[in-house]
Amino acid sequence: MSLPALSAITELFKPVTWFPPMWAFACGVVASGVSLDGRWLLAAVGIALAGPFVCATSQAVNDWFDRHVDAINEPHRPIPSGRMPGRWGLYIAVLWTLVSLLVAVALGPWGFGAAALGLLLAWAYSAPPLRLKQNGWWGNAACGFSYEGIAWATGAAVMAGGSLPEARSLTFAVLYSIGTHGIMTLNDFKSVEGDRRMGIRSLPVQLGEQRAGQAACWTMALAQVGVIALLMAWQLPLHALAILVLLGGQLLMMKRFLADVRGRALWYSGFGVPLFVAGMMVAAFALRVSTGGAA
């Protein structure tokens, strides 16, 4: 059996997808209020674990179990194109799962447990018998909580020496996980035809493209409204105002997106979603300031 080229392996891991969990882990680090002095290496390992290890594994797992759908939607991908020969896609997914768990040991019980949960969700999302992605409500929720909530909570816990993050930080992790459900819906518009043919009930398939776009926008917006309301209640008005401004920019772009949901889903992902994730870091710094950490 021929070996896959390094370029095919890199493409299988999709480095462009690593940013969200790495960013969320960094938000958790900031929200913890703990100084990086003496802990910067721990934070760096955690950020790497979230991206090039756990997230990369999830991409490999997804591509293997989606190879028949990708043959319809995106035949240029490494597995359906033949650039990832034989069962190498599966072998790499299993190997990188084990490597990720090995790296996670360095983060202690909290980091290892979170990595194990994230990897479990990655396999449950794509692989039978659960294959959560068969239903957009469950699949997008698994991705949202894995990419954002678990990563945020882990960053905060690791920096706090393995103790449970404070309730406010966990609340933000949950809210941004819910908002990410909408972001994941944006990713489904590119594969509507293949999903219909293969029986994958993504939200655009279940609700219709227009209603799915509306659901995505409402989910993203309401999660941020919740964050703004909490910041106001916690006497952090400047940070609340900053997120409100970022949300205002998103609302303007959402209006344009909803005029052509399939045609502009990628556009909104490129320009609207960065405002969402910028608000995550603003919220993290708000918690840092409120706990006496440096702004």
C-alpha atoms as a PDB file:
ATOM      1  CA  MET A   1       0.000   0.000   0.000  1.00  0.00           C
ATOM      2  CA  SER A   2       1.397   3.391  -0.981  1.00  0.00           C
ATOM      3  CA  LEU A   3       1.933   6.039   1.687  1.00  0.00           C
ATOM      4  CA  PRO A   4       0.078   9.365   1.617  1.00  0.00           C
ATOM      5  CA  ALA A   5       2.071  12.484   0.833  1.00  0.00           C
ATOM      6  CA  LEU A   6       2.759  14.925   3.664  1.00  0.00           C
ATOM      7  CA  SER A   7       0.723  17.545   1.796  1.00  0.00           C
ATOM      8  CA  ALA A   8      -2.308  15.214   1.813  1.00  0.00           C
ATOM      9  CA  ILE A   9      -1.945  14.613   5.561  1.00  0.00           C
ATOM     10  CA  THR A  10      -1.716  18.353   6.188  1.00  0.00           C
ATOM     11  CA  GLU A  11      -4.818  18.929   4.092  1.00  0.00           C
ATOM     12  CA  LEU A  12      -6.618  16.147   5.976  1.00  0.00           C
ATOM     13  CA  PHE A  13      -5.909  17.937   9.278  1.00  0.00           C
ATOM     14  CA  LYS A  14      -7.242  21.271   7.888  1.00  0.00           C
ATOM     15  CA  PRO A  15      -5.074  23.781   9.808  1.00  0.00           C
ATOM     16  CA  VAL A  16      -7.539  26.580   9.001  1.00  0.00           C
ATOM     17  CA  THR A  17     -10.037  24.944  11.379  1.00  0.00           C
ATOM     18  CA  TRP A  18      -7.673  24.951  14.361  1.00  0.00           C
ATOM     19  CA  PHE A  19      -8.147  28.605  15.212  1.00  0.00           C
ATOM     20  CA  PRO A  20     -11.539  28.452  17.042  1.00  0.00           C
ATOM     21  CA  PRO A  21     -10.558  25.960  19.778  1.00  0.00           C
ATOM     22  CA  MET A  22      -7.098  27.518  20.154  1.00  0.00           C
ATOM     23  CA  TRP A  23      -8.713  30.934  20.542  1.00  0.00           C
ATOM     24  CA  ALA A  24     -11.269  29.593  23.026  1.00  0.00           C
ATOM     25  CA  PHE A  25      -8.519  27.995  25.123  1.00  0.00           C
ATOM     26  CA  ALA A  26      -6.667  31.323  25.106  1.00  0.00           C
ATOM     27  CA  CYS A  27      -9.876  33.053  26.213  1.00  0.00           C
ATOM     28  CA  GLY A  28     -10.094  30.658  29.140  1.00  0.00           C
ATOM     29  CA  VAL A  29      -6.483  31.417  30.049  1.00  0.00           C
ATOM     30  CA  VAL A  30      -7.213  35.155  30.045  1.00  0.00           C
ATOM     31  CA  ALA A  31     -10.517  34.777  31.914  1.00  0.00           C
ATOM     32  CA  SER A  32      -8.805  32.822  34.699  1.00  0.00           C
ATOM     33  CA  GLY A  33      -7.073  36.002  35.863  1.00  0.00           C
ATOM     34  CA  VAL A  34      -3.918  33.988  36.569  1.00  0.00           C
ATOM     35  CA  SER A  35      -0.555  35.448  35.531  1.00  0.00           C
ATOM     36  CA  LEU A  36       1.343  33.616  32.805  1.00  0.00           C
ATOM     37  CA  ASP A  37       4.547  33.877  34.854  1.00  0.00           C
ATOM     38  CA  GLY A  38       5.768  30.331  35.243  1.00  0.00           C
ATOM     39  CA  ARG A  39       2.760  28.980  33.344  1.00  0.00           C
ATOM     40  CA  TRP A  40       3.359  30.162  29.798  1.00  0.00           C
ATOM     41  CA  LEU A  41       4.616  26.737  28.673  1.00  0.00           C
ATOM     42  CA  LEU A  42       1.515  25.078  30.122  1.00  0.00           C
ATOM     43  CA  ALA A  43      -0.679  27.559  28.255  1.00  0.00           C
ATOM     44  CA  ALA A  44       1.254  26.966  25.021  1.00  0.00           C
ATOM     45  CA  VAL A  45       0.857  23.188  25.315  1.00  0.00           C
ATOM     46  CA  GLY A  46      -2.871  23.637  25.946  1.00  0.00           C
ATOM     47  CA  ILE A  47      -3.334  25.860  22.920  1.00  0.00           C
ATOM     48  CA  ALA A  48      -1.428  23.365  20.758  1.00  0.00           C
ATOM     49  CA  LEU A  49      -3.486  20.483  22.148  1.00  0.00           C
ATOM     50  CA  ALA A  50      -6.717  22.294  21.272  1.00  0.00           C
ATOM     51  CA  GLY A  51      -5.650  22.916  17.678  1.00  0.00           C
ATOM     52  CA  PRO A  52      -2.998  20.744  15.977  1.00  0.00           C
ATOM     53  CA  PHE A  53      -3.941  17.720  18.072  1.00  0.00           C
ATOM     54  CA  VAL A  54      -7.597  17.436  19.161  1.00  0.00           C
ATOM     55  CA  CYS A  55      -9.105  19.590  16.401  1.00  0.00           C
ATOM     56  CA  ALA A  56      -6.849  18.039  13.757  1.00  0.00           C
ATOM     57  CA  THR A  57      -7.973  14.609  14.936  1.00  0.00           C
ATOM     58  CA  SER A  58     -11.611  15.612  14.623  1.00  0.00           C
ATOM     59  CA  GLN A  59     -11.017  16.700  11.035  1.00  0.00           C
ATOM     60  CA  ALA A  60      -9.343  13.415  10.127  1.00  0.00           C
ATOM     61  CA  VAL A  61     -12.149  11.403  11.753  1.00  0.00           C
ATOM     62  CA  ASN A  62     -14.789  13.463   9.969  1.00  0.00           C
ATOM     63  CA  ASP A  63     -13.137  13.136   6.559  1.00  0.00           C
ATOM     64  CA  TRP A  64     -12.857   9.366   6.873  1.00  0.00           C
ATOM     65  CA  PHE A  65     -16.484   8.803   7.796  1.00  0.00           C
ATOM     66  CA  ASP A  66     -17.661  11.483   5.350  1.00  0.00           C
ATOM     67  CA  ARG A  67     -15.673  10.167   2.404  1.00  0.00           C
ATOM     68  CA  HIS A  68     -18.810   9.091   0.491  1.00  0.00           C
ATOM     69  CA  VAL A  69     -20.504  12.468   1.028  1.00  0.00           C
ATOM     70  CA  ASP A  70     -17.299  14.293   0.092  1.00  0.00           C
ATOM     71  CA  ALA A  71     -17.145  12.313  -3.132  1.00  0.00           C
ATOM     72  CA  ILE A  72     -20.318  14.230  -4.073  1.00  0.00           C
ATOM     73  CA  ASN A  73     -19.731  17.628  -2.443  1.00  0.00           C
ATOM     74  CA  GLU A  74     -15.944  18.006  -2.492  1.00  0.00           C
ATOM     75  CA  PRO A  75     -14.288  15.249  -4.564  1.00  0.00           C
ATOM     76  CA  HIS A  76     -10.971  17.120  -4.465  1.00  0.00           C
ATOM     77  CA  ARG A  77     -10.447  16.295  -0.773  1.00  0.00           C
ATOM     78  CA  PRO A  78      -7.568  13.897   0.038  1.00  0.00           C
ATOM     79  CA  ILE A  79      -9.629  10.724   0.627  1.00  0.00           C
ATOM     80  CA  PRO A  80     -12.169  10.811  -2.253  1.00  0.00           C
ATOM     81  CA  SER A  81      -9.501  12.089  -4.653  1.00  0.00           C
ATOM     82  CA  GLY A  82      -7.262   9.099  -3.884  1.00  0.00           C
ATOM     83  CA  ARG A  83      -4.383  11.199  -2.569  1.00  0.00           C
ATOM     84  CA  MET A  84      -4.999   9.519   0.813  1.00  0.00           C
ATOM     85  CA  PRO A  85      -4.870   5.872  -0.366  1.00  0.00           C
ATOM     86  CA  GLY A  86      -6.504   2.814   1.155  1.00  0.00           C
ATOM     87  CA  ARG A  87      -7.495   3.122   4.807  1.00  0.00           C
ATOM     88  CA  TRP A  88      -4.797   5.641   5.676  1.00  0.00           C
ATOM     89  CA  GLY A  89      -7.424   8.229   6.619  1.00  0.00           C
ATOM     90  CA  LEU A  90      -8.686   5.934   9.390  1.00  0.00           C
ATOM     91  CA  TYR A  91      -5.182   4.950  10.522  1.00  0.00           C
ATOM     92  CA  ILE A  92      -4.176   8.584  10.878  1.00  0.00           C
ATOM     93  CA  ALA A  93      -7.364   9.417  12.794  1.00  0.00           C
ATOM     94  CA  VAL A  94      -6.693   6.606  15.307  1.00  0.00           C
ATOM     95  CA  LEU A  95      -2.985   7.419  15.630  1.00  0.00           C
ATOM     96  CA  TRP A  96      -3.600  11.146  16.206  1.00  0.00           C
ATOM     97  CA  THR A  97      -6.245  10.320  18.821  1.00  0.00           C
ATOM     98  CA  LEU A  98      -3.619   8.399  20.809  1.00  0.00           C
ATOM     99  CA  VAL A  99      -0.961  11.100  20.308  1.00  0.00           C
ATOM    100  CA  SER A 100      -3.424  13.766  21.487  1.00  0.00           C
ATOM    101  CA  LEU A 101      -4.160  11.817  24.673  1.00  0.00           C
ATOM    102  CA  LEU A 102      -0.435  11.430  25.292  1.00  0.00           C
ATOM    103  CA  VAL A 103       0.126  15.192  24.956  1.00  0.00           C
ATOM    104  CA  ALA A 104      -2.880  15.867  27.208  1.00  0.00           C
ATOM    105  CA  VAL A 105      -1.146  14.082  30.100  1.00  0.00           C
ATOM    106  CA  ALA A 106       1.097  17.155  30.448  1.00  0.00           C
ATOM    107  CA  LEU A 107      -1.944  19.271  31.408  1.00  0.00           C
ATOM    108  CA  GLY A 108      -2.910  17.188  34.417  1.00  0.00           C
ATOM    109  CA  PRO A 109      -6.249  15.535  35.173  1.00  0.00           C
ATOM    110  CA  TRP A 110      -8.387  18.471  33.988  1.00  0.00           C
ATOM    111  CA  GLY A 111      -6.541  18.818  30.703  1.00  0.00           C
ATOM    112  CA  PHE A 112      -6.484  15.079  30.058  1.00  0.00           C
ATOM    113  CA  GLY A 113     -10.167  14.681  30.907  1.00  0.00           C
ATOM    114  CA  ALA A 114     -11.164  17.593  28.672  1.00  0.00           C
ATOM    115  CA  ALA A 115      -9.081  16.263  25.783  1.00  0.00           C
ATOM    116  CA  ALA A 116     -10.613  12.807  26.203  1.00  0.00           C
ATOM    117  CA  LEU A 117     -14.123  14.314  26.190  1.00  0.00           C
ATOM    118  CA  GLY A 118     -13.333  16.428  23.119  1.00  0.00           C
ATOM    119  CA  LEU A 119     -11.983  13.392  21.272  1.00  0.00           C
ATOM    120  CA  LEU A 120     -14.997  11.328  22.309  1.00  0.00           C
ATOM    121  CA  LEU A 121     -17.290  13.994  20.869  1.00  0.00           C
ATOM    122  CA  ALA A 122     -15.205  14.094  17.688  1.00  0.00           C
ATOM    123  CA  TRP A 123     -15.707  10.364  17.126  1.00  0.00           C
ATOM    124  CA  ALA A 124     -19.363  10.506  18.192  1.00  0.00           C
ATOM    125  CA  TYR A 125     -19.963  13.377  15.758  1.00  0.00           C
ATOM    126  CA  SER A 126     -18.704  11.504  12.719  1.00  0.00           C
ATOM    127  CA  ALA A 127     -18.612   7.770  13.399  1.00  0.00           C
ATOM    128  CA  PRO A 128     -21.398   5.203  13.604  1.00  0.00           C
ATOM    129  CA  PRO A 129     -23.399   4.234  15.535  1.00  0.00           C
ATOM    130  CA  LEU A 130     -24.031   7.689  17.021  1.00  0.00           C
ATOM    131  CA  ARG A 131     -22.871   9.850  14.076  1.00  0.00           C
ATOM    132  CA  LEU A 132     -24.329  12.970  15.643  1.00  0.00           C
ATOM    133  CA  LYS A 133     -23.874  14.944  12.446  1.00  0.00           C
ATOM    134  CA  GLN A 134     -26.789  13.010  10.977  1.00  0.00           C
ATOM    135  CA  ASN A 135     -28.927  15.593  12.800  1.00  0.00           C
ATOM    136  CA  GLY A 136     -27.841  19.226  12.619  1.00  0.00           C
ATOM    137  CA  TRP A 137     -29.203  20.064  16.067  1.00  0.00           C
ATOM    138  CA  TRP A 138     -27.109  17.439  17.838  1.00  0.00           C
ATOM    139  CA  GLY A 139     -24.056  17.586  15.602  1.00  0.00           C
ATOM    140  CA  ASN A 140     -23.674  21.350  15.719  1.00  0.00           C
ATOM    141  CA  ALA A 141     -24.144  21.305  19.491  1.00  0.00           C
ATOM    142  CA  ALA A 142     -21.352  18.731  19.863  1.00  0.00           C
ATOM    143  CA  CYS A 143     -19.027  20.886  17.758  1.00  0.00           C
ATOM    144  CA  GLY A 144     -19.973  24.085  19.558  1.00  0.00           C
ATOM    145  CA  PHE A 145     -19.316  22.711  23.010  1.00  0.00           C
ATOM    146  CA  SER A 146     -16.148  20.909  21.927  1.00  0.00           C
ATOM    147  CA  TYR A 147     -14.622  23.811  19.978  1.00  0.00           C
ATOM    148  CA  GLU A 148     -15.572  26.602  22.378  1.00  0.00           C
ATOM    149  CA  GLY A 149     -16.985  25.517  25.733  1.00  0.00           C
ATOM    150  CA  ILE A 150     -14.645  22.665  26.594  1.00  0.00           C
ATOM    151  CA  ALA A 151     -11.616  24.554  25.275  1.00  0.00           C
ATOM    152  CA  TRP A 152     -12.498  27.719  27.252  1.00  0.00           C
ATOM    153  CA  ALA A 153     -13.192  25.822  30.493  1.00  0.00           C
ATOM    154  CA  THR A 154      -9.994  23.803  30.106  1.00  0.00           C
ATOM    155  CA  GLY A 155      -7.862  26.898  29.616  1.00  0.00           C
ATOM    156  CA  ALA A 156      -9.308  28.452  32.766  1.00  0.00           C
ATOM    157  CA  ALA A 157      -8.952  25.253  34.806  1.00  0.00           C
ATOM    158  CA  VAL A 158      -5.383  24.518  33.726  1.00  0.00           C
ATOM    159  CA  MET A 159      -4.253  28.029  34.628  1.00  0.00           C
ATOM    160  CA  ALA A 160      -5.994  27.755  38.010  1.00  0.00           C
ATOM    161  CA  GLY A 161      -3.991  24.673  38.881  1.00  0.00           C
ATOM    162  CA  GLY A 162      -6.701  22.198  38.019  1.00  0.00           C
ATOM    163  CA  SER A 163      -9.476  23.672  40.132  1.00  0.00           C
ATOM    164  CA  LEU A 164     -12.985  24.217  38.779  1.00  0.00           C
ATOM    165  CA  PRO A 165     -13.252  27.555  36.906  1.00  0.00           C
ATOM    166  CA  GLU A 166     -15.469  30.187  38.488  1.00  0.00           C
ATOM    167  CA  ALA A 167     -19.161  30.141  37.592  1.00  0.00           C
ATOM    168  CA  ARG A 168     -18.995  33.315  35.494  1.00  0.00           C
ATOM    169  CA  SER A 169     -16.296  31.869  33.264  1.00  0.00           C
ATOM    170  CA  LEU A 170     -18.245  28.636  32.816  1.00  0.00           C
ATOM    171  CA  THR A 171     -21.373  30.643  31.985  1.00  0.00           C
ATOM    172  CA  PHE A 172     -19.563  32.481  29.203  1.00  0.00           C
ATOM    173  CA  ALA A 173     -18.156  29.171  27.943  1.00  0.00           C
ATOM    174  CA  VAL A 174     -21.710  27.821  27.666  1.00  0.00           C
ATOM    175  CA  LEU A 175     -23.108  30.951  26.006  1.00  0.00           C
ATOM    176  CA  TYR A 176     -20.375  31.070  23.383  1.00  0.00           C
ATOM    177  CA  SER A 177     -20.818  27.332  22.774  1.00  0.00           C
ATOM    178  CA  ILE A 178     -24.496  27.985  22.047  1.00  0.00           C
ATOM    179  CA  GLY A 179     -23.576  30.841  19.722  1.00  0.00           C
ATOM    180  CA  THR A 180     -21.136  28.577  17.905  1.00  0.00           C
ATOM    181  CA  HIS A 181     -24.046  26.271  17.061  1.00  0.00           C
ATOM    182  CA  GLY A 182     -25.090  28.999  14.634  1.00  0.00           C
ATOM    183  CA  ILE A 183     -21.578  29.304  13.229  1.00  0.00           C
ATOM    184  CA  MET A 184     -21.523  25.568  12.531  1.00  0.00           C
ATOM    185  CA  THR A 185     -24.770  25.933  10.589  1.00  0.00           C
ATOM    186  CA  LEU A 186     -23.008  28.345   8.232  1.00  0.00           C
ATOM    187  CA  ASN A 187     -20.627  25.548   7.333  1.00  0.00           C
ATOM    188  CA  ASP A 188     -23.507  23.310   6.238  1.00  0.00           C
ATOM    189  CA  PHE A 189     -24.645  25.461   3.319  1.00  0.00           C
ATOM    190  CA  LYS A 190     -21.776  24.331   1.101  1.00  0.00           C
ATOM    191  CA  SER A 191     -22.853  20.680   1.262  1.00  0.00           C
ATOM    192  CA  VAL A 192     -26.639  20.846   1.028  1.00  0.00           C
ATOM    193  CA  GLU A 193     -26.955  18.711  -2.108  1.00  0.00           C
ATOM    194  CA  GLY A 194     -24.721  15.912  -0.876  1.00  0.00           C
ATOM    195  CA  ASP A 195     -26.334  15.960   2.561  1.00  0.00           C
ATOM    196  CA  ARG A 196     -29.795  15.533   1.024  1.00  0.00           C
ATOM    197  CA  ARG A 197     -28.668  12.621  -1.130  1.00  0.00           C
ATOM    198  CA  MET A 198     -26.871  10.884   1.753  1.00  0.00           C
ATOM    199  CA  GLY A 199     -29.619  11.423   4.331  1.00  0.00           C
ATOM    200  CA  ILE A 200     -27.695  13.845   6.535  1.00  0.00           C
ATOM    201  CA  ARG A 201     -30.259  16.098   8.202  1.00  0.00           C
ATOM    202  CA  SER A 202     -28.260  19.301   8.540  1.00  0.00           C
ATOM    203  CA  LEU A 203     -30.284  22.370   9.474  1.00  0.00           C
ATOM    204  CA  PRO A 204     -30.435  23.667   5.878  1.00  0.00           C
ATOM    205  CA  VAL A 205     -31.857  20.252   4.910  1.00  0.00           C
ATOM    206  CA  GLN A 206     -34.302  20.099   7.845  1.00  0.00           C
ATOM    207  CA  LEU A 207     -35.489  23.700   7.935  1.00  0.00           C
ATOM    208  CA  GLY A 208     -34.834  24.877   4.408  1.00  0.00           C
ATOM    209  CA  GLU A 209     -31.955  27.182   3.610  1.00  0.00           C
ATOM    210  CA  GLN A 210     -33.653  30.479   4.489  1.00  0.00           C
ATOM    211  CA  ARG A 211     -34.972  29.348   7.862  1.00  0.00           C
ATOM    212  CA  ALA A 212     -31.654  27.701   8.701  1.00  0.00           C
ATOM    213  CA  GLY A 213     -29.887  30.985   7.978  1.00  0.00           C
ATOM    214  CA  GLN A 214     -32.310  32.810  10.244  1.00  0.00           C
ATOM    215  CA  ALA A 215     -31.821  30.226  12.990  1.00  0.00           C
ATOM    216  CA  ALA A 216     -28.045  30.615  12.731  1.00  0.00           C
ATOM    217  CA  CYS A 217     -28.262  34.402  13.036  1.00  0.00           C
ATOM    218  CA  TRP A 218     -30.653  34.304  15.980  1.00  0.00           C
ATOM    219  CA  THR A 219     -28.486  31.756  17.798  1.00  0.00           C
ATOM    220  CA  MET A 220     -25.306  33.783  17.377  1.00  0.00           C
ATOM    221  CA  ALA A 221     -26.970  37.080  18.272  1.00  0.00           C
ATOM    222  CA  LEU A 222     -28.920  35.927  21.334  1.00  0.00           C
ATOM    223  CA  ALA A 223     -25.867  34.268  22.864  1.00  0.00           C
ATOM    224  CA  GLN A 224     -24.031  37.594  22.661  1.00  0.00           C
ATOM    225  CA  VAL A 225     -27.021  39.478  24.061  1.00  0.00           C
ATOM    226  CA  GLY A 226     -26.790  37.153  27.052  1.00  0.00           C
ATOM    227  CA  VAL A 227     -23.101  37.974  27.497  1.00  0.00           C
ATOM    228  CA  ILE A 228     -23.815  41.720  27.253  1.00  0.00           C
ATOM    229  CA  ALA A 229     -26.615  41.483  29.825  1.00  0.00           C
ATOM    230  CA  LEU A 230     -24.384  39.623  32.266  1.00  0.00           C
ATOM    231  CA  LEU A 231     -21.539  42.098  31.861  1.00  0.00           C
ATOM    232  CA  MET A 232     -23.919  44.927  32.637  1.00  0.00           C
ATOM    233  CA  ALA A 233     -25.213  43.065  35.701  1.00  0.00           C
ATOM    234  CA  TRP A 234     -21.627  42.544  36.853  1.00  0.00           C
ATOM    235  CA  GLN A 235     -20.844  46.265  36.541  1.00  0.00           C
ATOM    236  CA  LEU A 236     -18.597  45.935  33.486  1.00  0.00           C
ATOM    237  CA  PRO A 237     -20.291  48.426  31.128  1.00  0.00           C
ATOM    238  CA  LEU A 238     -17.290  49.261  28.925  1.00  0.00           C
ATOM    239  CA  HIS A 239     -16.730  45.642  27.989  1.00  0.00           C
ATOM    240  CA  ALA A 240     -20.481  45.229  27.446  1.00  0.00           C
ATOM    241  CA  LEU A 241     -20.457  48.254  25.133  1.00  0.00           C
ATOM    242  CA  ALA A 242     -17.521  46.855  23.146  1.00  0.00           C
ATOM    243  CA  ILE A 243     -19.364  43.576  22.533  1.00  0.00           C
ATOM    244  CA  LEU A 244     -22.528  45.502  21.662  1.00  0.00           C
ATOM    245  CA  VAL A 245     -20.609  47.400  18.977  1.00  0.00           C
ATOM    246  CA  LEU A 246     -19.219  44.127  17.614  1.00  0.00           C
ATOM    247  CA  LEU A 247     -22.723  42.664  17.607  1.00  0.00           C
ATOM    248  CA  GLY A 248     -24.016  45.711  15.751  1.00  0.00           C
ATOM    249  CA  GLY A 249     -21.488  45.078  12.989  1.00  0.00           C
ATOM    250  CA  GLN A 250     -22.635  41.466  12.798  1.00  0.00           C
ATOM    251  CA  LEU A 251     -26.290  42.459  12.564  1.00  0.00           C
ATOM    252  CA  LEU A 252     -25.552  44.662   9.567  1.00  0.00           C
ATOM    253  CA  MET A 253     -23.775  41.784   7.838  1.00  0.00           C
ATOM    254  CA  MET A 254     -26.481  39.307   8.850  1.00  0.00           C
ATOM    255  CA  LYS A 255     -29.005  41.382   6.903  1.00  0.00           C
ATOM    256  CA  ARG A 256     -26.917  41.012   3.759  1.00  0.00           C
ATOM    257  CA  PHE A 257     -26.282  37.322   4.440  1.00  0.00           C
ATOM    258  CA  LEU A 258     -29.999  36.571   4.800  1.00  0.00           C
ATOM    259  CA  ALA A 259     -30.652  38.041   1.367  1.00  0.00           C
ATOM    260  CA  ASP A 260     -28.685  35.122  -0.146  1.00  0.00           C
ATOM    261  CA  VAL A 261     -27.919  32.530   2.509  1.00  0.00           C
ATOM    262  CA  ARG A 262     -26.195  29.931   0.349  1.00  0.00           C
ATOM    263  CA  GLY A 263     -24.298  32.425  -1.744  1.00  0.00           C
ATOM    264  CA  ARG A 264     -23.086  34.486   1.218  1.00  0.00           C
ATOM    265  CA  ALA A 265     -22.560  31.859   3.945  1.00  0.00           C
ATOM    266  CA  LEU A 266     -18.832  31.728   3.246  1.00  0.00           C
ATOM    267  CA  TRP A 267     -18.704  35.532   3.064  1.00  0.00           C
ATOM    268  CA  TYR A 268     -20.360  35.864   6.456  1.00  0.00           C
ATOM    269  CA  SER A 269     -18.046  33.235   7.939  1.00  0.00           C
ATOM    270  CA  GLY A 270     -15.089  35.296   6.757  1.00  0.00           C
ATOM    271  CA  PHE A 271     -16.269  38.733   7.894  1.00  0.00           C
ATOM    272  CA  GLY A 272     -19.026  38.324  10.490  1.00  0.00           C
ATOM    273  CA  VAL A 273     -17.682  35.439  12.566  1.00  0.00           C
ATOM    274  CA  PRO A 274     -14.393  37.240  13.407  1.00  0.00           C
ATOM    275  CA  LEU A 275     -16.477  39.889  15.199  1.00  0.00           C
ATOM    276  CA  PHE A 276     -18.134  37.120  17.220  1.00  0.00           C
ATOM    277  CA  VAL A 277     -14.799  35.628  18.292  1.00  0.00           C
ATOM    278  CA  ALA A 278     -13.345  39.072  19.021  1.00  0.00           C
ATOM    279  CA  GLY A 279     -16.188  39.530  21.491  1.00  0.00           C
ATOM    280  CA  MET A 280     -15.120  36.300  23.210  1.00  0.00           C
ATOM    281  CA  MET A 281     -11.751  37.794  24.081  1.00  0.00           C
ATOM    282  CA  VAL A 282     -13.383  41.037  25.239  1.00  0.00           C
ATOM    283  CA  ALA A 283     -15.558  38.971  27.592  1.00  0.00           C
ATOM    284  CA  ALA A 284     -12.508  37.072  28.809  1.00  0.00           C
ATOM    285  CA  PHE A 285     -10.654  40.299  29.592  1.00  0.00           C
ATOM    286  CA  ALA A 286     -13.749  41.581  31.406  1.00  0.00           C
ATOM    287  CA  LEU A 287     -13.526  38.626  33.780  1.00  0.00           C
ATOM    288  CA  ARG A 288      -9.795  39.120  34.156  1.00  0.00           C
ATOM    289  CA  VAL A 289     -10.297  42.744  35.158  1.00  0.00           C
ATOM    290  CA  SER A 290     -13.073  41.871  37.587  1.00  0.00           C
ATOM    291  CA  THR A 291     -10.862  39.325  39.335  1.00  0.00           C
ATOM    292  CA  GLY A 292      -8.028  41.820  39.742  1.00  0.00           C
ATOM    293  CA  GLY A 293      -5.872  40.605  36.856  1.00  0.00           C
ATOM    294  CA  ALA A 294      -4.096  42.995  34.499  1.00  0.00           C
ATOM    295  CA  ALA A 295      -6.255  44.263  31.642  1.00  0.00           C
END
